[in-house]
Amino acid sequence: MKLVFMTYYAGMHDEVMELLEETGIENYTYWGEVQGRLSSGDPREGSQTWPGYNSALQAVLRDESAERLIELIRAFNGERRGADRIDAHFIELALSVRAASESGGE
């Protein structure tokens, strides 16, 4: 299993949700307004100097879903120009204790 941690421009949230839906990911944690600088673009800090916000999202994925999401994010980023891209980090999980039963979906 993998943990994906993604950051992206807050205005892209609907597009990110479409990627999750296409991958079959139903369970995630989402932070709507976070401050920081992605690997592409200027900082977004909700100020006059650095307006706007980023969003962050994490999800626990089966390996097959993680591979599919990696493919989709690479394609998405390849089609975009400027700062409106996704930074995604995939981390191997040793253990995950979840609220739902083990047979529950991602």
PDB file of N, CA and C in Angstrom:
ATOM      1  N   MET A   1       0.844  -1.174   0.000  1.00  0.00           N
ATOM      2  CA  MET A   1       0.000   0.000   0.000  1.00  0.00           C
ATOM      3  C   MET A   1       0.887   1.235   0.000  1.00  0.00           C
ATOM      4  N   LYS A   2       0.328   2.309  -0.531  1.00  0.00           N
ATOM      5  CA  LYS A   2       1.060   3.564  -0.612  1.00  0.00           C
ATOM      6  C   LYS A   2       0.209   4.703  -0.054  1.00  0.00           C
ATOM      7  N   LEU A   3       0.891   5.710   0.455  1.00  0.00           N
ATOM      8  CA  LEU A   3       0.255   6.958   0.832  1.00  0.00           C
ATOM      9  C   LEU A   3       0.645   7.971  -0.225  1.00  0.00           C
ATOM     10  N   VAL A   4      -0.329   8.618  -0.826  1.00  0.00           N
ATOM     11  CA  VAL A   4      -0.041   9.714  -1.742  1.00  0.00           C
ATOM     12  C   VAL A   4      -0.337  11.012  -1.014  1.00  0.00           C
ATOM     13  N   PHE A   5       0.587  11.955  -1.126  1.00  0.00           N
ATOM     14  CA  PHE A   5       0.387  13.305  -0.605  1.00  0.00           C
ATOM     15  C   PHE A   5       0.547  14.245  -1.784  1.00  0.00           C
ATOM     16  N   MET A   6      -0.525  14.975  -2.098  1.00  0.00           N
ATOM     17  CA  MET A   6      -0.541  15.842  -3.276  1.00  0.00           C
ATOM     18  C   MET A   6      -0.755  17.292  -2.851  1.00  0.00           C
ATOM     19  N   THR A   7      -0.082  18.213  -3.532  1.00  0.00           N
ATOM     20  CA  THR A   7      -0.346  19.635  -3.391  1.00  0.00           C
ATOM     21  C   THR A   7      -0.557  20.214  -4.775  1.00  0.00           C
ATOM     22  N   TYR A   8      -1.452  21.209  -4.853  1.00  0.00           N
ATOM     23  CA  TYR A   8      -1.833  21.778  -6.144  1.00  0.00           C
ATOM     24  C   TYR A   8      -2.557  23.098  -5.904  1.00  0.00           C
ATOM     25  N   TYR A   9      -2.631  23.930  -6.940  1.00  0.00           N
ATOM     26  CA  TYR A   9      -3.355  25.197  -6.873  1.00  0.00           C
ATOM     27  C   TYR A   9      -4.820  24.918  -6.529  1.00  0.00           C
ATOM     28  N   ALA A  10      -5.363  25.636  -5.550  1.00  0.00           N
ATOM     29  CA  ALA A  10      -6.720  25.394  -5.061  1.00  0.00           C
ATOM     30  C   ALA A  10      -7.768  25.439  -6.177  1.00  0.00           C
ATOM     31  N   GLY A  11      -7.550  26.253  -7.195  1.00  0.00           N
ATOM     32  CA  GLY A  11      -8.493  26.359  -8.302  1.00  0.00           C
ATOM     33  C   GLY A  11      -8.571  25.113  -9.175  1.00  0.00           C
ATOM     34  N   MET A  12      -7.693  24.158  -8.945  1.00  0.00           N
ATOM     35  CA  MET A  12      -7.662  22.918  -9.731  1.00  0.00           C
ATOM     36  C   MET A  12      -8.385  21.765  -9.031  1.00  0.00           C
ATOM     37  N   HIS A  13      -9.042  22.028  -7.925  1.00  0.00           N
ATOM     38  CA  HIS A  13      -9.599  20.941  -7.114  1.00  0.00           C
ATOM     39  C   HIS A  13     -10.547  20.034  -7.897  1.00  0.00           C
ATOM     40  N   ASP A  14     -11.416  20.592  -8.699  1.00  0.00           N
ATOM     41  CA  ASP A  14     -12.350  19.757  -9.472  1.00  0.00           C
ATOM     42  C   ASP A  14     -11.608  18.817 -10.415  1.00  0.00           C
ATOM     43  N   GLU A  15     -10.539  19.296 -11.022  1.00  0.00           N
ATOM     44  CA  GLU A  15      -9.752  18.454 -11.927  1.00  0.00           C
ATOM     45  C   GLU A  15      -9.050  17.330 -11.159  1.00  0.00           C
ATOM     46  N   VAL A  16      -8.560  17.635  -9.976  1.00  0.00           N
ATOM     47  CA  VAL A  16      -7.920  16.609  -9.149  1.00  0.00           C
ATOM     48  C   VAL A  16      -8.954  15.564  -8.739  1.00  0.00           C
ATOM     49  N   MET A  17     -10.159  15.995  -8.401  1.00  0.00           N
ATOM     50  CA  MET A  17     -11.224  15.057  -8.040  1.00  0.00           C
ATOM     51  C   MET A  17     -11.557  14.127  -9.209  1.00  0.00           C
ATOM     52  N   GLU A  18     -11.504  14.652 -10.433  1.00  0.00           N
ATOM     53  CA  GLU A  18     -11.740  13.818 -11.610  1.00  0.00           C
ATOM     54  C   GLU A  18     -10.665  12.738 -11.742  1.00  0.00           C
ATOM     55  N   LEU A  19      -9.404  13.089 -11.436  1.00  0.00           N
ATOM     56  CA  LEU A  19      -8.332  12.093 -11.482  1.00  0.00           C
ATOM     57  C   LEU A  19      -8.570  10.995 -10.446  1.00  0.00           C
ATOM     58  N   LEU A  20      -8.986  11.392  -9.240  1.00  0.00           N
ATOM     59  CA  LEU A  20      -9.273  10.394  -8.209  1.00  0.00           C
ATOM     60  C   LEU A  20     -10.424   9.496  -8.632  1.00  0.00           C
ATOM     61  N   GLU A  21     -11.467  10.098  -9.179  1.00  0.00           N
ATOM     62  CA  GLU A  21     -12.626   9.318  -9.630  1.00  0.00           C
ATOM     63  C   GLU A  21     -12.217   8.331 -10.721  1.00  0.00           C
ATOM     64  N   GLU A  22     -11.400   8.782 -11.653  1.00  0.00           N
ATOM     65  CA  GLU A  22     -10.943   7.912 -12.740  1.00  0.00           C
ATOM     66  C   GLU A  22     -10.107   6.748 -12.216  1.00  0.00           C
ATOM     67  N   THR A  23      -9.459   6.951 -11.089  1.00  0.00           N
ATOM     68  CA  THR A  23      -8.630   5.912 -10.483  1.00  0.00           C
ATOM     69  C   THR A  23      -9.445   5.041  -9.529  1.00  0.00           C
ATOM     70  N   GLY A  24     -10.667   5.445  -9.199  1.00  0.00           N
ATOM     71  CA  GLY A  24     -11.508   4.687  -8.288  1.00  0.00           C
ATOM     72  C   GLY A  24     -11.228   4.983  -6.822  1.00  0.00           C
ATOM     73  N   ILE A  25     -10.589   6.108  -6.537  1.00  0.00           N
ATOM     74  CA  ILE A  25     -10.253   6.484  -5.167  1.00  0.00           C
ATOM     75  C   ILE A  25     -11.430   7.233  -4.567  1.00  0.00           C
ATOM     76  N   GLU A  26     -11.990   6.682  -3.497  1.00  0.00           N
ATOM     77  CA  GLU A  26     -13.151   7.285  -2.849  1.00  0.00           C
ATOM     78  C   GLU A  26     -12.824   7.887  -1.495  1.00  0.00           C
ATOM     79  N   ASN A  27     -11.768   7.425  -0.851  1.00  0.00           N
ATOM     80  CA  ASN A  27     -11.429   7.863   0.506  1.00  0.00           C
ATOM     81  C   ASN A  27     -10.153   8.686   0.482  1.00  0.00           C
ATOM     82  N   TYR A  28     -10.225   9.877   1.054  1.00  0.00           N
ATOM     83  CA  TYR A  28      -9.077  10.779   1.071  1.00  0.00           C
ATOM     84  C   TYR A  28      -9.292  11.818   2.157  1.00  0.00           C
ATOM     85  N   THR A  29      -8.230  12.527   2.488  1.00  0.00           N
ATOM     86  CA  THR A  29      -8.301  13.683   3.378  1.00  0.00           C
ATOM     87  C   THR A  29      -7.836  14.883   2.578  1.00  0.00           C
ATOM     88  N   TYR A  30      -8.561  15.987   2.687  1.00  0.00           N
ATOM     89  CA  TYR A  30      -8.329  17.159   1.848  1.00  0.00           C
ATOM     90  C   TYR A  30      -8.259  18.409   2.709  1.00  0.00           C
ATOM     91  N   TRP A  31      -7.249  19.232   2.458  1.00  0.00           N
ATOM     92  CA  TRP A  31      -7.123  20.541   3.096  1.00  0.00           C
ATOM     93  C   TRP A  31      -7.326  21.580   2.004  1.00  0.00           C
ATOM     94  N   GLY A  32      -8.337  22.413   2.108  1.00  0.00           N
ATOM     95  CA  GLY A  32      -8.720  23.340   1.052  1.00  0.00           C
ATOM     96  C   GLY A  32      -7.785  24.507   0.838  1.00  0.00           C
ATOM     97  N   GLU A  33      -7.257  25.053   1.907  1.00  0.00           N
ATOM     98  CA  GLU A  33      -6.379  26.227   1.788  1.00  0.00           C
ATOM     99  C   GLU A  33      -5.106  25.999   2.590  1.00  0.00           C
ATOM    100  N   VAL A  34      -4.028  25.735   1.887  1.00  0.00           N
ATOM    101  CA  VAL A  34      -2.714  25.637   2.523  1.00  0.00           C
ATOM    102  C   VAL A  34      -1.790  26.629   1.834  1.00  0.00           C
ATOM    103  N   GLN A  35      -0.815  27.070   2.564  1.00  0.00           N
ATOM    104  CA  GLN A  35       0.133  28.044   2.024  1.00  0.00           C
ATOM    105  C   GLN A  35       1.442  27.350   1.701  1.00  0.00           C
ATOM    106  N   GLY A  36       2.106  27.850   0.664  1.00  0.00           N
ATOM    107  CA  GLY A  36       3.399  27.290   0.312  1.00  0.00           C
ATOM    108  C   GLY A  36       3.716  27.502  -1.150  1.00  0.00           C
ATOM    109  N   ARG A  37       4.807  26.907  -1.545  1.00  0.00           N
ATOM    110  CA  ARG A  37       5.284  27.025  -2.915  1.00  0.00           C
ATOM    111  C   ARG A  37       5.480  25.627  -3.485  1.00  0.00           C
ATOM    112  N   LEU A  38       4.816  25.348  -4.587  1.00  0.00           N
ATOM    113  CA  LEU A  38       4.980  24.070  -5.269  1.00  0.00           C
ATOM    114  C   LEU A  38       6.264  24.093  -6.086  1.00  0.00           C
ATOM    115  N   SER A  39       6.595  22.970  -6.683  1.00  0.00           N
ATOM    116  CA  SER A  39       7.834  22.899  -7.462  1.00  0.00           C
ATOM    117  C   SER A  39       7.768  23.784  -8.701  1.00  0.00           C
ATOM    118  N   SER A  40       6.560  24.148  -9.126  1.00  0.00           N
ATOM    119  CA  SER A  40       6.405  25.079 -10.247  1.00  0.00           C
ATOM    120  C   SER A  40       5.644  26.303  -9.753  1.00  0.00           C
ATOM    121  N   GLY A  41       6.149  27.479 -10.054  1.00  0.00           N
ATOM    122  CA  GLY A  41       5.399  28.683  -9.720  1.00  0.00           C
ATOM    123  C   GLY A  41       5.857  29.407  -8.483  1.00  0.00           C
ATOM    124  N   ASP A  42       5.140  30.483  -8.191  1.00  0.00           N
ATOM    125  CA  ASP A  42       5.422  31.348  -7.062  1.00  0.00           C
ATOM    126  C   ASP A  42       4.715  30.831  -5.813  1.00  0.00           C
ATOM    127  N   PRO A  43       5.115  31.329  -4.650  1.00  0.00           N
ATOM    128  CA  PRO A  43       4.392  30.969  -3.424  1.00  0.00           C
ATOM    129  C   PRO A  43       2.935  31.426  -3.503  1.00  0.00           C
ATOM    130  N   ARG A  44       2.089  30.705  -2.799  1.00  0.00           N
ATOM    131  CA  ARG A  44       0.693  31.105  -2.620  1.00  0.00           C
ATOM    132  C   ARG A  44       0.471  31.149  -1.120  1.00  0.00           C
ATOM    133  N   GLU A  45       0.302  32.378  -0.619  1.00  0.00           N
ATOM    134  CA  GLU A  45       0.229  32.558   0.827  1.00  0.00           C
ATOM    135  C   GLU A  45      -0.982  33.373   1.262  1.00  0.00           C
ATOM    136  N   GLY A  46      -1.944  33.600   0.358  1.00  0.00           N
ATOM    137  CA  GLY A  46      -3.149  34.337   0.713  1.00  0.00           C
ATOM    138  C   GLY A  46      -2.894  35.784   1.089  1.00  0.00           C
ATOM    139  N   SER A  47      -1.833  36.369   0.546  1.00  0.00           N
ATOM    140  CA  SER A  47      -1.490  37.754   0.873  1.00  0.00           C
ATOM    141  C   SER A  47      -1.493  38.599  -0.395  1.00  0.00           C
ATOM    142  N   GLN A  48      -1.330  39.929  -0.229  1.00  0.00           N
ATOM    143  CA  GLN A  48      -1.241  40.783  -1.412  1.00  0.00           C
ATOM    144  C   GLN A  48       0.007  40.472  -2.219  1.00  0.00           C
ATOM    145  N   THR A  49       1.077  40.165  -1.551  1.00  0.00           N
ATOM    146  CA  THR A  49       2.324  39.853  -2.248  1.00  0.00           C
ATOM    147  C   THR A  49       2.247  38.512  -2.944  1.00  0.00           C
ATOM    148  N   TRP A  50       1.712  37.494  -2.256  1.00  0.00           N
ATOM    149  CA  TRP A  50       1.605  36.146  -2.806  1.00  0.00           C
ATOM    150  C   TRP A  50       0.147  35.692  -2.692  1.00  0.00           C
ATOM    151  N   PRO A  51      -0.722  36.151  -3.616  1.00  0.00           N
ATOM    152  CA  PRO A  51      -2.151  35.830  -3.513  1.00  0.00           C
ATOM    153  C   PRO A  51      -2.454  34.361  -3.815  1.00  0.00           C
ATOM    154  N   GLY A  52      -3.620  33.957  -3.410  1.00  0.00           N
ATOM    155  CA  GLY A  52      -4.093  32.601  -3.698  1.00  0.00           C
ATOM    156  C   GLY A  52      -3.628  31.591  -2.677  1.00  0.00           C
ATOM    157  N   TYR A  53      -4.141  30.388  -2.837  1.00  0.00           N
ATOM    158  CA  TYR A  53      -3.814  29.284  -1.952  1.00  0.00           C
ATOM    159  C   TYR A  53      -3.562  28.029  -2.764  1.00  0.00           C
ATOM    160  N   ASN A  54      -2.887  27.089  -2.142  1.00  0.00           N
ATOM    161  CA  ASN A  54      -2.789  25.737  -2.655  1.00  0.00           C
ATOM    162  C   ASN A  54      -3.754  24.881  -1.859  1.00  0.00           C
ATOM    163  N   SER A  55      -3.956  23.668  -2.308  1.00  0.00           N
ATOM    164  CA  SER A  55      -4.699  22.667  -1.564  1.00  0.00           C
ATOM    165  C   SER A  55      -3.794  21.464  -1.390  1.00  0.00           C
ATOM    166  N   ALA A  56      -4.115  20.631  -0.411  1.00  0.00           N
ATOM    167  CA  ALA A  56      -3.366  19.405  -0.170  1.00  0.00           C
ATOM    168  C   ALA A  56      -4.350  18.259  -0.010  1.00  0.00           C
ATOM    169  N   LEU A  57      -3.925  17.076  -0.400  1.00  0.00           N
ATOM    170  CA  LEU A  57      -4.783  15.906  -0.339  1.00  0.00           C
ATOM    171  C   LEU A  57      -3.909  14.700  -0.055  1.00  0.00           C
ATOM    172  N   GLN A  58      -4.402  13.804   0.772  1.00  0.00           N
ATOM    173  CA  GLN A  58      -3.702  12.542   0.986  1.00  0.00           C
ATOM    174  C   GLN A  58      -4.686  11.403   0.890  1.00  0.00           C
ATOM    175  N   ALA A  59      -4.199  10.252   0.456  1.00  0.00           N
ATOM    176  CA  ALA A  59      -5.030   9.053   0.362  1.00  0.00           C
ATOM    177  C   ALA A  59      -4.142   7.830   0.497  1.00  0.00           C
ATOM    178  N   VAL A  60      -4.707   6.770   1.055  1.00  0.00           N
ATOM    179  CA  VAL A  60      -4.033   5.479   1.130  1.00  0.00           C
ATOM    180  C   VAL A  60      -4.523   4.654  -0.052  1.00  0.00           C
ATOM    181  N   LEU A  61      -3.577   4.100  -0.808  1.00  0.00           N
ATOM    182  CA  LEU A  61      -3.914   3.423  -2.061  1.00  0.00           C
ATOM    183  C   LEU A  61      -3.325   2.023  -2.133  1.00  0.00           C
ATOM    184  N   ARG A  62      -4.018   1.156  -2.813  1.00  0.00           N
ATOM    185  CA  ARG A  62      -3.429  -0.125  -3.193  1.00  0.00           C
ATOM    186  C   ARG A  62      -2.385   0.168  -4.272  1.00  0.00           C
ATOM    187  N   ASP A  63      -1.421  -0.724  -4.413  1.00  0.00           N
ATOM    188  CA  ASP A  63      -0.321  -0.490  -5.356  1.00  0.00           C
ATOM    189  C   ASP A  63      -0.815  -0.259  -6.785  1.00  0.00           C
ATOM    190  N   GLU A  64      -1.836  -1.016  -7.214  1.00  0.00           N
ATOM    191  CA  GLU A  64      -2.349  -0.857  -8.585  1.00  0.00           C
ATOM    192  C   GLU A  64      -2.961   0.533  -8.784  1.00  0.00           C
ATOM    193  N   SER A  65      -3.700   0.995  -7.791  1.00  0.00           N
ATOM    194  CA  SER A  65      -4.304   2.327  -7.881  1.00  0.00           C
ATOM    195  C   SER A  65      -3.234   3.411  -7.873  1.00  0.00           C
ATOM    196  N   ALA A  66      -2.189   3.205  -7.087  1.00  0.00           N
ATOM    197  CA  ALA A  66      -1.091   4.177  -7.044  1.00  0.00           C
ATOM    198  C   ALA A  66      -0.418   4.278  -8.404  1.00  0.00           C
ATOM    199  N   GLU A  67      -0.159   3.146  -9.031  1.00  0.00           N
ATOM    200  CA  GLU A  67       0.481   3.160 -10.359  1.00  0.00           C
ATOM    201  C   GLU A  67      -0.390   3.889 -11.374  1.00  0.00           C
ATOM    202  N   ARG A  68      -1.684   3.649 -11.344  1.00  0.00           N
ATOM    203  CA  ARG A  68      -2.607   4.320 -12.271  1.00  0.00           C
ATOM    204  C   ARG A  68      -2.634   5.820 -12.005  1.00  0.00           C
ATOM    205  N   LEU A  69      -2.665   6.219 -10.732  1.00  0.00           N
ATOM    206  CA  LEU A  69      -2.675   7.638 -10.400  1.00  0.00           C
ATOM    207  C   LEU A  69      -1.374   8.315 -10.830  1.00  0.00           C
ATOM    208  N   ILE A  70      -0.258   7.647 -10.670  1.00  0.00           N
ATOM    209  CA  ILE A  70       1.021   8.192 -11.132  1.00  0.00           C
ATOM    210  C   ILE A  70       0.956   8.478 -12.626  1.00  0.00           C
ATOM    211  N   GLU A  71       0.445   7.530 -13.398  1.00  0.00           N
ATOM    212  CA  GLU A  71       0.302   7.713 -14.851  1.00  0.00           C
ATOM    213  C   GLU A  71      -0.575   8.922 -15.167  1.00  0.00           C
ATOM    214  N   LEU A  72      -1.709   9.021 -14.488  1.00  0.00           N
ATOM    215  CA  LEU A  72      -2.640  10.118 -14.753  1.00  0.00           C
ATOM    216  C   LEU A  72      -2.045  11.472 -14.374  1.00  0.00           C
ATOM    217  N   ILE A  73      -1.339  11.541 -13.254  1.00  0.00           N
ATOM    218  CA  ILE A  73      -0.730  12.811 -12.836  1.00  0.00           C
ATOM    219  C   ILE A  73       0.370  13.211 -13.816  1.00  0.00           C
ATOM    220  N   ARG A  74       1.178  12.259 -14.252  1.00  0.00           N
ATOM    221  CA  ARG A  74       2.229  12.576 -15.243  1.00  0.00           C
ATOM    222  C   ARG A  74       1.608  13.121 -16.529  1.00  0.00           C
ATOM    223  N   ALA A  75       0.542  12.493 -16.991  1.00  0.00           N
ATOM    224  CA  ALA A  75      -0.132  12.963 -18.207  1.00  0.00           C
ATOM    225  C   ALA A  75      -0.734  14.345 -17.979  1.00  0.00           C
ATOM    226  N   PHE A  76      -1.389  14.532 -16.843  1.00  0.00           N
ATOM    227  CA  PHE A  76      -1.998  15.817 -16.501  1.00  0.00           C
ATOM    228  C   PHE A  76      -0.935  16.914 -16.494  1.00  0.00           C
ATOM    229  N   ASN A  77       0.165  16.681 -15.781  1.00  0.00           N
ATOM    230  CA  ASN A  77       1.230  17.683 -15.709  1.00  0.00           C
ATOM    231  C   ASN A  77       1.862  17.943 -17.071  1.00  0.00           C
ATOM    232  N   GLY A  78       1.945  16.925 -17.902  1.00  0.00           N
ATOM    233  CA  GLY A  78       2.527  17.083 -19.230  1.00  0.00           C
ATOM    234  C   GLY A  78       1.692  17.954 -20.153  1.00  0.00           C
ATOM    235  N   GLU A  79       0.391  18.007 -19.883  1.00  0.00           N
ATOM    236  CA  GLU A  79      -0.519  18.814 -20.697  1.00  0.00           C
ATOM    237  C   GLU A  79      -0.618  20.253 -20.222  1.00  0.00           C
ATOM    238  N   ARG A  80      -0.108  20.552 -19.042  1.00  0.00           N
ATOM    239  CA  ARG A  80      -0.274  21.866 -18.424  1.00  0.00           C
ATOM    240  C   ARG A  80       0.964  22.725 -18.622  1.00  0.00           C
ATOM    241  N   ARG A  81       0.758  24.000 -18.565  1.00  0.00           N
ATOM    242  CA  ARG A  81       1.851  24.972 -18.635  1.00  0.00           C
ATOM    243  C   ARG A  81       1.785  25.849 -17.391  1.00  0.00           C
ATOM    244  N   GLY A  82       2.894  26.414 -17.021  1.00  0.00           N
ATOM    245  CA  GLY A  82       2.907  27.320 -15.878  1.00  0.00           C
ATOM    246  C   GLY A  82       2.815  26.585 -14.560  1.00  0.00           C
ATOM    247  N   ALA A  83       2.204  27.239 -13.589  1.00  0.00           N
ATOM    248  CA  ALA A  83       2.198  26.745 -12.217  1.00  0.00           C
ATOM    249  C   ALA A  83       1.054  25.788 -11.906  1.00  0.00           C
ATOM    250  N   ASP A  84       0.127  25.610 -12.807  1.00  0.00           N
ATOM    251  CA  ASP A  84      -1.051  24.796 -12.511  1.00  0.00           C
ATOM    252  C   ASP A  84      -0.780  23.313 -12.764  1.00  0.00           C
ATOM    253  N   ARG A  85       0.077  22.757 -11.936  1.00  0.00           N
ATOM    254  CA  ARG A  85       0.432  21.339 -12.002  1.00  0.00           C
ATOM    255  C   ARG A  85       0.305  20.739 -10.609  1.00  0.00           C
ATOM    256  N   ILE A  86       0.473  19.450 -10.535  1.00  0.00           N
ATOM    257  CA  ILE A  86       0.335  18.724  -9.276  1.00  0.00           C
ATOM    258  C   ILE A  86       1.700  18.234  -8.819  1.00  0.00           C
ATOM    259  N   ASP A  87       2.035  18.482  -7.553  1.00  0.00           N
ATOM    260  CA  ASP A  87       3.162  17.815  -6.909  1.00  0.00           C
ATOM    261  C   ASP A  87       2.580  16.627  -6.155  1.00  0.00           C
ATOM    262  N   ALA A  88       3.085  15.425  -6.398  1.00  0.00           N
ATOM    263  CA  ALA A  88       2.573  14.233  -5.722  1.00  0.00           C
ATOM    264  C   ALA A  88       3.745  13.399  -5.229  1.00  0.00           C
ATOM    265  N   HIS A  89       3.615  12.941  -4.005  1.00  0.00           N
ATOM    266  CA  HIS A  89       4.654  12.130  -3.377  1.00  0.00           C
ATOM    267  C   HIS A  89       4.014  10.822  -2.935  1.00  0.00           C
ATOM    268  N   PHE A  90       4.596   9.712  -3.332  1.00  0.00           N
ATOM    269  CA  PHE A  90       4.075   8.394  -3.019  1.00  0.00           C
ATOM    270  C   PHE A  90       5.019   7.728  -2.021  1.00  0.00           C
ATOM    271  N   ILE A  91       4.468   7.325  -0.883  1.00  0.00           N
ATOM    272  CA  ILE A  91       5.258   6.783   0.217  1.00  0.00           C
ATOM    273  C   ILE A  91       4.779   5.361   0.508  1.00  0.00           C
ATOM    274  N   GLU A  92       5.708   4.432   0.613  1.00  0.00           N
ATOM    275  CA  GLU A  92       5.369   3.049   0.953  1.00  0.00           C
ATOM    276  C   GLU A  92       4.886   2.985   2.405  1.00  0.00           C
ATOM    277  N   LEU A  93       3.764   2.323   2.628  1.00  0.00           N
ATOM    278  CA  LEU A  93       3.203   2.189   3.975  1.00  0.00           C
ATOM    279  C   LEU A  93       3.508   0.805   4.535  1.00  0.00           C
ATOM    280  N   ALA A  94       3.969   0.775   5.763  1.00  0.00           N
ATOM    281  CA  ALA A  94       4.184  -0.496   6.442  1.00  0.00           C
ATOM    282  C   ALA A  94       2.877  -1.008   7.029  1.00  0.00           C
ATOM    283  N   LEU A  95       2.003  -0.080   7.449  1.00  0.00           N
ATOM    284  CA  LEU A  95       0.770  -0.464   8.111  1.00  0.00           C
ATOM    285  C   LEU A  95      -0.246   0.656   7.973  1.00  0.00           C
ATOM    286  N   SER A  96      -1.502   0.284   7.854  1.00  0.00           N
ATOM    287  CA  SER A  96      -2.582   1.254   7.834  1.00  0.00           C
ATOM    288  C   SER A  96      -3.747   0.674   8.635  1.00  0.00           C
ATOM    289  N   VAL A  97      -4.175   1.377   9.669  1.00  0.00           N
ATOM    290  CA  VAL A  97      -5.345   0.979  10.445  1.00  0.00           C
ATOM    291  C   VAL A  97      -6.452   1.931  10.027  1.00  0.00           C
ATOM    292  N   ARG A  98      -7.545   1.370   9.527  1.00  0.00           N
ATOM    293  CA  ARG A  98      -8.587   2.198   8.959  1.00  0.00           C
ATOM    294  C   ARG A  98      -9.888   2.036   9.725  1.00  0.00           C
ATOM    295  N   ALA A  99     -10.717   3.046   9.682  1.00  0.00           N
ATOM    296  CA  ALA A  99     -11.992   3.038  10.387  1.00  0.00           C
ATOM    297  C   ALA A  99     -12.949   1.992   9.798  1.00  0.00           C
ATOM    298  N   ALA A 100     -12.910   1.827   8.465  1.00  0.00           N
ATOM    299  CA  ALA A 100     -13.784   0.859   7.798  1.00  0.00           C
ATOM    300  C   ALA A 100     -13.162  -0.522   7.858  1.00  0.00           C
ATOM    301  N   SER A 101     -13.971  -1.530   7.581  1.00  0.00           N
ATOM    302  CA  SER A 101     -13.463  -2.893   7.556  1.00  0.00           C
ATOM    303  C   SER A 101     -12.430  -3.044   6.449  1.00  0.00           C
ATOM    304  N   GLU A 102     -11.627  -4.081   6.533  1.00  0.00           N
ATOM    305  CA  GLU A 102     -10.571  -4.338   5.547  1.00  0.00           C
ATOM    306  C   GLU A 102     -11.139  -4.518   4.139  1.00  0.00           C
ATOM    307  N   SER A 103     -12.391  -4.902   4.010  1.00  0.00           N
ATOM    308  CA  SER A 103     -12.968  -5.103   2.693  1.00  0.00           C
ATOM    309  C   SER A 103     -13.475  -3.813   2.081  1.00  0.00           C
ATOM    310  N   GLY A 104     -13.358  -2.692   2.821  1.00  0.00           N
ATOM    311  CA  GLY A 104     -13.823  -1.397   2.313  1.00  0.00           C
ATOM    312  C   GLY A 104     -12.989  -0.914   1.139  1.00  0.00           C
ATOM    313  N   GLY A 105     -13.522   0.011   0.348  1.00  0.00           N
ATOM    314  CA  GLY A 105     -12.837   0.537  -0.828  1.00  0.00           C
ATOM    315  C   GLY A 105     -11.770   1.533  -0.466  1.00  0.00           C
ATOM    316  N   GLU A 106     -11.063   1.973  -1.495  1.00  0.00           N
ATOM    317  CA  GLU A 106     -10.001   2.971  -1.310  1.00  0.00           C
ATOM    318  C   GLU A 106     -10.615   4.333  -1.097  1.00  0.00           C
TER     319      GLU A 106
END
